[in-house]
Structure formats: C-alpha cells, structure tokens
Amino acid sequence: MRLAIEAVQKGEAQGCVSAGNTAALMGLSKIFIAAP
C-alpha cells in the first residue's frame, strides 16, 4: 500500500486501488499525501 501511495504522491500514478484494510489505506494517505 505504501508504495502505491508514494507513486501517487510523486505523480507516477493517478490513483490507487486497494483490496486491503480501508483504515490503513486512509491513514497512510493522510501521512504521505496530505503532509505539508
């Protein structure tokens, strides 16, 4: 999940789909993408 989110953050991907834990995906997204 972290690698997919980092790819979105870097602009290498437009989005991320996960079949895993939704809370974990949201938490990682807030840490990596929403961080200033």
Protein backbone atom coordinates (compact mmCIF):
# COMPACT_ATOMS: atom_id res chain seq x y z
CA MET A 1 0.00 0.00 0.00
CA ARG A 2 2.76 2.42 0.90
CA LEU A 3 4.47 2.06 -2.47
CA ALA A 4 1.21 2.71 -4.32
CA ILE A 5 0.53 5.84 -2.27
CA GLU A 6 4.07 7.10 -2.78
CA ALA A 7 3.63 6.62 -6.55
CA VAL A 8 0.55 8.85 -6.42
CA GLN A 9 2.41 11.43 -4.35
CA LYS A 10 5.30 11.51 -6.84
CA GLY A 11 2.93 11.82 -9.80
CA GLU A 12 3.90 8.41 -11.17
CA ALA A 13 0.29 7.20 -10.77
CA GLN A 14 -3.08 8.94 -10.92
CA GLY A 15 -4.76 6.81 -8.28
CA CYS A 16 -4.56 3.82 -6.02
CA VAL A 17 -6.91 0.87 -5.52
CA SER A 18 -6.58 -1.49 -2.57
CA ALA A 19 -8.39 -4.65 -1.55
CA GLY A 20 -6.80 -4.37 1.89
CA ASN A 21 -7.71 -2.58 5.09
CA THR A 22 -9.51 0.70 4.33
CA ALA A 23 -8.43 2.34 7.59
CA ALA A 24 -4.79 1.53 6.87
CA LEU A 25 -5.06 2.99 3.36
CA MET A 26 -6.66 6.18 4.67
CA GLY A 27 -4.07 6.51 7.42
CA LEU A 28 -1.15 6.09 5.05
CA SER A 29 -2.74 8.52 2.59
CA LYS A 30 -3.04 11.18 5.27
CA ILE A 31 0.58 10.66 6.28
CA PHE A 32 2.13 10.62 2.80
CA ILE A 33 -0.16 12.74 0.62
CA ALA A 34 -1.71 15.29 2.99
CA ALA A 35 1.56 16.03 4.77
CA PRO A 36 2.89 19.54 4.03
